């Protein structure tokens, strides 16, 4: 099964699932909102890669209500949910159903975001994507990526995995959804070490690179295009 088919099958329950499947979901995304340096009234341009149903974009919209968005995802049914979510903002939302590994000549943006998607790429594809994201950003632009982190040792990776299963069961995730999530993970996930992801961002040209928030396997990666005077 292709990755777009696998995620299209989740549209009926995805939003509820992801809020259980990401331990510390609220704190993680709240940290991302703190890292957005743009004024509330600024009409910035935002690109969301692997946008899915638009959960991350929805939070950015609250922080930047004048923003103009491009939501990019390979799974068309996920984007259909996003279209419904943002139906009152049709003049400021555009949707691209495509594989973002083909990303090029997409215009220029002030903010590029992604959540729980880029880990599906092979490492060389991640590195190439980071370079293309950097090229698509305007000076002073920001890239934020909420994504999985591979444990630095096999023991820690095993612990993180068991810890995750325990937490999502306590959060009330149904066993059927857990099984489907595990199957997707085995089929599509290609987690990278935190240190490698930070190095690839620096190699792409990003400044002020950091994993600014970490919760076991979940990390919030940040990079700026050029040194900027940050005012959260």
C-alpha atoms as a PDB file:
ATOM      1  CA  UNK A   1       0.000   0.000   0.000  1.00  0.00           C
ATOM      2  CA  UNK A   2       1.284   3.476  -0.881  1.00  0.00           C
ATOM      3  CA  UNK A   3       1.636   6.105   1.821  1.00  0.00           C
ATOM      4  CA  UNK A   4      -1.143   8.295   0.403  1.00  0.00           C
ATOM      5  CA  UNK A   5      -3.563   5.355   0.503  1.00  0.00           C
ATOM      6  CA  UNK A   6      -2.554   4.494   4.065  1.00  0.00           C
ATOM      7  CA  UNK A   7      -3.206   8.006   5.360  1.00  0.00           C
ATOM      8  CA  UNK A   8      -6.342   8.528   3.291  1.00  0.00           C
ATOM      9  CA  UNK A   9      -7.770   5.560   5.212  1.00  0.00           C
ATOM     10  CA  UNK A  10      -7.373   7.466   8.498  1.00  0.00           C
ATOM     11  CA  UNK A  11      -9.426  10.561   7.671  1.00  0.00           C
ATOM     12  CA  UNK A  12     -12.427   9.537   9.765  1.00  0.00           C
ATOM     13  CA  UNK A  13     -10.421   9.402  12.980  1.00  0.00           C
ATOM     14  CA  UNK A  14      -7.048  11.055  12.301  1.00  0.00           C
ATOM     15  CA  UNK A  15      -7.492  14.252  14.341  1.00  0.00           C
ATOM     16  CA  UNK A  16      -8.563  12.384  17.451  1.00  0.00           C
ATOM     17  CA  UNK A  17      -5.871   9.766  16.952  1.00  0.00           C
ATOM     18  CA  UNK A  18      -2.980  12.192  16.564  1.00  0.00           C
ATOM     19  CA  UNK A  19      -3.853  14.070  19.752  1.00  0.00           C
ATOM     20  CA  UNK A  20      -3.568  10.762  21.612  1.00  0.00           C
ATOM     21  CA  UNK A  21      -0.614   9.451  19.601  1.00  0.00           C
ATOM     22  CA  UNK A  22       1.575  12.480  20.356  1.00  0.00           C
ATOM     23  CA  UNK A  23       2.265  12.506  24.115  1.00  0.00           C
ATOM     24  CA  UNK A  24       2.392  16.092  25.305  1.00  0.00           C
ATOM     25  CA  UNK A  25       0.584  17.257  22.163  1.00  0.00           C
ATOM     26  CA  UNK A  26      -0.655  20.545  23.611  1.00  0.00           C
ATOM     27  CA  UNK A  27       2.707  21.546  25.092  1.00  0.00           C
ATOM     28  CA  UNK A  28       4.585  20.598  21.925  1.00  0.00           C
ATOM     29  CA  UNK A  29       2.435  22.719  19.636  1.00  0.00           C
ATOM     30  CA  UNK A  30       2.268  25.536  22.181  1.00  0.00           C
ATOM     31  CA  UNK A  31       6.069  25.657  22.073  1.00  0.00           C
ATOM     32  CA  UNK A  32       5.889  25.964  18.284  1.00  0.00           C
ATOM     33  CA  UNK A  33       3.549  28.926  18.583  1.00  0.00           C
ATOM     34  CA  UNK A  34       6.003  30.628  20.955  1.00  0.00           C
ATOM     35  CA  UNK A  35       8.721  30.363  18.313  1.00  0.00           C
ATOM     36  CA  UNK A  36       6.775  32.308  15.657  1.00  0.00           C
ATOM     37  CA  UNK A  37       8.361  35.786  15.619  1.00  0.00           C
ATOM     38  CA  UNK A  38       5.915  37.574  13.301  1.00  0.00           C
ATOM     39  CA  UNK A  39       3.471  40.250  14.417  1.00  0.00           C
ATOM     40  CA  UNK A  40      -0.159  39.179  14.667  1.00  0.00           C
ATOM     41  CA  UNK A  41      -1.210  41.674  11.991  1.00  0.00           C
ATOM     42  CA  UNK A  42       1.485  40.621   9.499  1.00  0.00           C
ATOM     43  CA  UNK A  43       0.200  39.135   6.219  1.00  0.00           C
ATOM     44  CA  UNK A  44       2.885  36.473   6.016  1.00  0.00           C
ATOM     45  CA  UNK A  45       3.091  33.584   3.554  1.00  0.00           C
ATOM     46  CA  UNK A  46       3.114  30.093   5.077  1.00  0.00           C
ATOM     47  CA  UNK A  47       3.890  26.727   3.486  1.00  0.00           C
ATOM     48  CA  UNK A  48       2.775  23.595   5.348  1.00  0.00           C
ATOM     49  CA  UNK A  49       4.475  20.410   4.113  1.00  0.00           C
ATOM     50  CA  UNK A  50       2.642  17.183   4.878  1.00  0.00           C
ATOM     51  CA  UNK A  51      -0.242  19.351   6.003  1.00  0.00           C
ATOM     52  CA  UNK A  52      -2.679  16.473   6.435  1.00  0.00           C
ATOM     53  CA  UNK A  53      -5.996  17.667   7.844  1.00  0.00           C
ATOM     54  CA  UNK A  54      -4.588  21.094   8.708  1.00  0.00           C
ATOM     55  CA  UNK A  55      -4.106  20.760  12.465  1.00  0.00           C
ATOM     56  CA  UNK A  56      -0.763  22.607  12.548  1.00  0.00           C
ATOM     57  CA  UNK A  57      -1.922  25.202  10.029  1.00  0.00           C
ATOM     58  CA  UNK A  58      -5.000  25.842  12.162  1.00  0.00           C
ATOM     59  CA  UNK A  59      -2.875  26.754  15.152  1.00  0.00           C
ATOM     60  CA  UNK A  60      -0.663  29.013  13.033  1.00  0.00           C
ATOM     61  CA  UNK A  61      -3.791  30.703  11.684  1.00  0.00           C
ATOM     62  CA  UNK A  62      -4.809  31.613  15.233  1.00  0.00           C
ATOM     63  CA  UNK A  63      -1.350  33.079  15.846  1.00  0.00           C
ATOM     64  CA  UNK A  64      -1.160  34.790  12.420  1.00  0.00           C
ATOM     65  CA  UNK A  65      -4.778  35.474  11.389  1.00  0.00           C
ATOM     66  CA  UNK A  66      -3.729  37.495   8.308  1.00  0.00           C
ATOM     67  CA  UNK A  67      -1.498  34.727   6.983  1.00  0.00           C
ATOM     68  CA  UNK A  68      -1.718  33.242   3.489  1.00  0.00           C
ATOM     69  CA  UNK A  69      -1.318  29.464   3.407  1.00  0.00           C
ATOM     70  CA  UNK A  70      -0.252  26.757   0.985  1.00  0.00           C
ATOM     71  CA  UNK A  71      -1.109  23.282   2.298  1.00  0.00           C
ATOM     72  CA  UNK A  72       0.852  20.518   0.584  1.00  0.00           C
ATOM     73  CA  UNK A  73       0.200  16.811   1.020  1.00  0.00           C
ATOM     74  CA  UNK A  74       0.256  13.634  -1.017  1.00  0.00           C
ATOM     75  CA  UNK A  75      -2.994  12.357   0.554  1.00  0.00           C
ATOM     76  CA  UNK A  76      -5.943  14.016  -1.173  1.00  0.00           C
ATOM     77  CA  UNK A  77      -8.594  12.926   1.314  1.00  0.00           C
ATOM     78  CA  UNK A  78      -6.595  14.450   4.149  1.00  0.00           C
ATOM     79  CA  UNK A  79      -6.514  17.735   2.252  1.00  0.00           C
ATOM     80  CA  UNK A  80     -10.286  17.492   1.733  1.00  0.00           C
ATOM     81  CA  UNK A  81     -10.673  17.599   5.517  1.00  0.00           C
ATOM     82  CA  UNK A  82      -8.418  20.658   5.597  1.00  0.00           C
ATOM     83  CA  UNK A  83     -10.509  22.346   2.915  1.00  0.00           C
ATOM     84  CA  UNK A  84     -13.564  21.878   5.088  1.00  0.00           C
ATOM     85  CA  UNK A  85     -11.693  23.107   8.166  1.00  0.00           C
ATOM     86  CA  UNK A  86     -10.687  26.335   6.405  1.00  0.00           C
ATOM     87  CA  UNK A  87     -13.803  26.813   4.292  1.00  0.00           C
ATOM     88  CA  UNK A  88     -14.238  30.356   5.636  1.00  0.00           C
ATOM     89  CA  UNK A  89     -10.750  31.341   4.405  1.00  0.00           C
ATOM     90  CA  UNK A  90     -10.857  30.190   0.789  1.00  0.00           C
ATOM     91  CA  UNK A  91      -9.205  33.404  -0.423  1.00  0.00           C
ATOM     92  CA  UNK A  92      -6.118  32.733   1.713  1.00  0.00           C
ATOM     93  CA  UNK A  93      -5.686  28.968   1.446  1.00  0.00           C
ATOM     94  CA  UNK A  94      -4.309  27.025  -1.497  1.00  0.00           C
ATOM     95  CA  UNK A  95      -3.947  23.248  -1.644  1.00  0.00           C
ATOM     96  CA  UNK A  96      -1.377  21.143  -3.480  1.00  0.00           C
ATOM     97  CA  UNK A  97      -1.876  17.383  -3.739  1.00  0.00           C
ATOM     98  CA  UNK A  98       1.615  16.190  -4.549  1.00  0.00           C
ATOM     99  CA  UNK A  99       4.751  14.592  -3.154  1.00  0.00           C
ATOM    100  CA  UNK A 100       6.836  17.377  -1.610  1.00  0.00           C
ATOM    101  CA  UNK A 101      10.024  15.569  -2.586  1.00  0.00           C
ATOM    102  CA  UNK A 102       9.347  17.316  -5.906  1.00  0.00           C
ATOM    103  CA  UNK A 103       9.289  20.711  -4.176  1.00  0.00           C
ATOM    104  CA  UNK A 104      10.834  23.401  -6.377  1.00  0.00           C
ATOM    105  CA  UNK A 105       9.943  26.824  -7.738  1.00  0.00           C
ATOM    106  CA  UNK A 106       6.997  27.069  -5.326  1.00  0.00           C
ATOM    107  CA  UNK A 107       7.396  30.762  -4.580  1.00  0.00           C
ATOM    108  CA  UNK A 108       8.779  32.417  -1.476  1.00  0.00           C
ATOM    109  CA  UNK A 109       7.551  32.146   2.095  1.00  0.00           C
ATOM    110  CA  UNK A 110       8.060  33.719   5.496  1.00  0.00           C
ATOM    111  CA  UNK A 111       7.296  30.531   7.411  1.00  0.00           C
ATOM    112  CA  UNK A 112       7.561  26.872   6.439  1.00  0.00           C
ATOM    113  CA  UNK A 113       6.078  24.319   8.821  1.00  0.00           C
ATOM    114  CA  UNK A 114       5.753  20.561   8.924  1.00  0.00           C
ATOM    115  CA  UNK A 115       4.549  18.111  11.526  1.00  0.00           C
ATOM    116  CA  UNK A 116       4.999  14.350  11.784  1.00  0.00           C
ATOM    117  CA  UNK A 117       5.713  13.919   8.105  1.00  0.00           C
ATOM    118  CA  UNK A 118       9.343  14.399   7.072  1.00  0.00           C
ATOM    119  CA  UNK A 119      10.411  11.309   9.025  1.00  0.00           C
ATOM    120  CA  UNK A 120       8.840   9.287   6.210  1.00  0.00           C
ATOM    121  CA  UNK A 121      11.721  10.309   3.925  1.00  0.00           C
ATOM    122  CA  UNK A 122      15.066   8.588   3.593  1.00  0.00           C
ATOM    123  CA  UNK A 123      17.929  10.530   5.143  1.00  0.00           C
ATOM    124  CA  UNK A 124      19.302  11.800   1.824  1.00  0.00           C
ATOM    125  CA  UNK A 125      15.803  12.984   0.932  1.00  0.00           C
ATOM    126  CA  UNK A 126      15.503  14.867   4.229  1.00  0.00           C
ATOM    127  CA  UNK A 127      18.792  16.657   3.553  1.00  0.00           C
ATOM    128  CA  UNK A 128      17.725  17.623   0.037  1.00  0.00           C
ATOM    129  CA  UNK A 129      14.331  18.827   1.278  1.00  0.00           C
ATOM    130  CA  UNK A 130      15.922  21.019   3.944  1.00  0.00           C
ATOM    131  CA  UNK A 131      17.982  22.710   1.224  1.00  0.00           C
ATOM    132  CA  UNK A 132      14.905  23.332  -0.906  1.00  0.00           C
ATOM    133  CA  UNK A 133      13.000  24.687   2.096  1.00  0.00           C
ATOM    134  CA  UNK A 134      15.865  27.076   2.817  1.00  0.00           C
ATOM    135  CA  UNK A 135      15.815  28.278  -0.783  1.00  0.00           C
ATOM    136  CA  UNK A 136      12.052  28.873  -0.610  1.00  0.00           C
ATOM    137  CA  UNK A 137      12.298  31.120   2.466  1.00  0.00           C
ATOM    138  CA  UNK A 138      12.663  34.883   2.391  1.00  0.00           C
ATOM    139  CA  UNK A 139      15.404  36.512   4.432  1.00  0.00           C
ATOM    140  CA  UNK A 140      14.417  36.321   8.084  1.00  0.00           C
ATOM    141  CA  UNK A 141      12.103  33.413   7.327  1.00  0.00           C
ATOM    142  CA  UNK A 142      11.581  30.510   9.727  1.00  0.00           C
ATOM    143  CA  UNK A 143      11.352  26.732   9.338  1.00  0.00           C
ATOM    144  CA  UNK A 144       9.728  24.676  12.094  1.00  0.00           C
ATOM    145  CA  UNK A 145       9.475  20.915  11.964  1.00  0.00           C
ATOM    146  CA  UNK A 146       7.677  18.827  14.589  1.00  0.00           C
ATOM    147  CA  UNK A 147       8.914  15.321  13.995  1.00  0.00           C
ATOM    148  CA  UNK A 148      10.104  12.012  15.364  1.00  0.00           C
ATOM    149  CA  UNK A 149      13.613  11.541  16.734  1.00  0.00           C
ATOM    150  CA  UNK A 150      15.460   8.252  16.597  1.00  0.00           C
ATOM    151  CA  UNK A 151      16.821   7.124  19.941  1.00  0.00           C
ATOM    152  CA  UNK A 152      20.629   7.452  20.079  1.00  0.00           C
ATOM    153  CA  UNK A 153      21.026   3.839  21.214  1.00  0.00           C
ATOM    154  CA  UNK A 154      19.024   0.675  20.641  1.00  0.00           C
ATOM    155  CA  UNK A 155      18.205   0.507  24.356  1.00  0.00           C
ATOM    156  CA  UNK A 156      16.812   4.043  24.425  1.00  0.00           C
ATOM    157  CA  UNK A 157      14.917   3.505  21.163  1.00  0.00           C
ATOM    158  CA  UNK A 158      13.256   0.416  22.641  1.00  0.00           C
ATOM    159  CA  UNK A 159      12.430   2.307  25.823  1.00  0.00           C
ATOM    160  CA  UNK A 160      10.910   5.214  23.857  1.00  0.00           C
ATOM    161  CA  UNK A 161       8.783   2.771  21.877  1.00  0.00           C
ATOM    162  CA  UNK A 162       7.416   0.985  24.938  1.00  0.00           C
ATOM    163  CA  UNK A 163       6.898   4.315  26.691  1.00  0.00           C
ATOM    164  CA  UNK A 164       4.902   5.566  23.695  1.00  0.00           C
ATOM    165  CA  UNK A 165       2.653   2.495  23.626  1.00  0.00           C
ATOM    166  CA  UNK A 166       1.973   2.816  27.347  1.00  0.00           C
ATOM    167  CA  UNK A 167       1.113   6.505  27.094  1.00  0.00           C
ATOM    168  CA  UNK A 168      -1.244   6.268  24.115  1.00  0.00           C
ATOM    169  CA  UNK A 169      -3.134   3.407  25.746  1.00  0.00           C
ATOM    170  CA  UNK A 170      -3.522   5.495  28.891  1.00  0.00           C
ATOM    171  CA  UNK A 171      -4.755   8.344  26.668  1.00  0.00           C
ATOM    172  CA  UNK A 172      -7.545   6.071  25.429  1.00  0.00           C
ATOM    173  CA  UNK A 173      -6.385   5.239  21.911  1.00  0.00           C
ATOM    174  CA  UNK A 174      -8.379   2.243  20.606  1.00  0.00           C
ATOM    175  CA  UNK A 175      -6.371  -0.914  19.966  1.00  0.00           C
ATOM    176  CA  UNK A 176      -7.504  -0.991  16.336  1.00  0.00           C
ATOM    177  CA  UNK A 177      -6.064   2.481  15.759  1.00  0.00           C
ATOM    178  CA  UNK A 178      -2.878   1.533  17.597  1.00  0.00           C
ATOM    179  CA  UNK A 179      -2.415  -1.525  15.381  1.00  0.00           C
ATOM    180  CA  UNK A 180      -2.937   0.564  12.269  1.00  0.00           C
ATOM    181  CA  UNK A 181      -0.487   3.164  13.570  1.00  0.00           C
ATOM    182  CA  UNK A 182       2.138   0.504  14.255  1.00  0.00           C
ATOM    183  CA  UNK A 183       1.662  -0.902  10.751  1.00  0.00           C
ATOM    184  CA  UNK A 184       2.135   2.555   9.207  1.00  0.00           C
ATOM    185  CA  UNK A 185       5.213   3.084  11.308  1.00  0.00           C
ATOM    186  CA  UNK A 186       6.756  -0.208  10.228  1.00  0.00           C
ATOM    187  CA  UNK A 187       5.963   0.491   6.595  1.00  0.00           C
ATOM    188  CA  UNK A 188       6.828   4.161   6.236  1.00  0.00           C
ATOM    189  CA  UNK A 189       8.817   5.629   9.144  1.00  0.00           C
ATOM    190  CA  UNK A 190      12.499   6.455   8.669  1.00  0.00           C
ATOM    191  CA  UNK A 191      13.378   8.280  11.904  1.00  0.00           C
ATOM    192  CA  UNK A 192      16.668  10.178  12.042  1.00  0.00           C
ATOM    193  CA  UNK A 193      18.934  11.036  14.952  1.00  0.00           C
ATOM    194  CA  UNK A 194      18.451  14.494  16.461  1.00  0.00           C
ATOM    195  CA  UNK A 195      22.092  15.414  15.859  1.00  0.00           C
ATOM    196  CA  UNK A 196      21.847  14.476  12.172  1.00  0.00           C
ATOM    197  CA  UNK A 197      18.715  16.549  11.651  1.00  0.00           C
ATOM    198  CA  UNK A 198      20.347  19.583  13.278  1.00  0.00           C
ATOM    199  CA  UNK A 199      23.476  19.156  11.148  1.00  0.00           C
ATOM    200  CA  UNK A 200      21.458  18.870   7.941  1.00  0.00           C
ATOM    201  CA  UNK A 201      19.643  22.099   8.786  1.00  0.00           C
ATOM    202  CA  UNK A 202      22.949  23.890   9.334  1.00  0.00           C
ATOM    203  CA  UNK A 203      24.374  22.460   6.124  1.00  0.00           C
ATOM    204  CA  UNK A 204      21.324  23.792   4.272  1.00  0.00           C
ATOM    205  CA  UNK A 205      22.237  27.289   5.487  1.00  0.00           C
ATOM    206  CA  UNK A 206      19.928  27.783   8.467  1.00  0.00           C
ATOM    207  CA  UNK A 207      21.036  29.896  11.422  1.00  0.00           C
ATOM    208  CA  UNK A 208      19.929  29.653  15.078  1.00  0.00           C
ATOM    209  CA  UNK A 209      19.311  25.949  14.564  1.00  0.00           C
ATOM    210  CA  UNK A 210      18.063  23.960  17.538  1.00  0.00           C
ATOM    211  CA  UNK A 211      15.708  21.296  18.772  1.00  0.00           C
ATOM    212  CA  UNK A 212      13.886  23.772  20.966  1.00  0.00           C
ATOM    213  CA  UNK A 213      11.498  21.255  22.549  1.00  0.00           C
ATOM    214  CA  UNK A 214      11.941  17.533  23.117  1.00  0.00           C
ATOM    215  CA  UNK A 215       9.645  14.910  24.612  1.00  0.00           C
ATOM    216  CA  UNK A 216      11.198  11.449  24.232  1.00  0.00           C
ATOM    217  CA  UNK A 217      10.752  10.723  20.498  1.00  0.00           C
ATOM    218  CA  UNK A 218       9.049  14.014  19.661  1.00  0.00           C
ATOM    219  CA  UNK A 219      11.119  17.048  18.750  1.00  0.00           C
ATOM    220  CA  UNK A 220      10.456  20.609  17.603  1.00  0.00           C
ATOM    221  CA  UNK A 221      13.229  21.627  15.204  1.00  0.00           C
ATOM    222  CA  UNK A 222      13.809  25.300  14.422  1.00  0.00           C
ATOM    223  CA  UNK A 223      15.943  27.158  11.910  1.00  0.00           C
ATOM    224  CA  UNK A 224      16.044  30.754  10.688  1.00  0.00           C
ATOM    225  CA  UNK A 225      17.205  32.045   7.311  1.00  0.00           C
ATOM    226  CA  UNK A 226      19.865  34.569   8.340  1.00  0.00           C
ATOM    227  CA  UNK A 227      20.480  35.842  11.832  1.00  0.00           C
ATOM    228  CA  UNK A 228      17.432  37.722  13.098  1.00  0.00           C
ATOM    229  CA  UNK A 229      16.753  39.637  16.268  1.00  0.00           C
ATOM    230  CA  UNK A 230      14.248  37.242  17.775  1.00  0.00           C
ATOM    231  CA  UNK A 231      11.342  38.725  19.676  1.00  0.00           C
ATOM    232  CA  UNK A 232       8.887  35.997  20.811  1.00  0.00           C
END
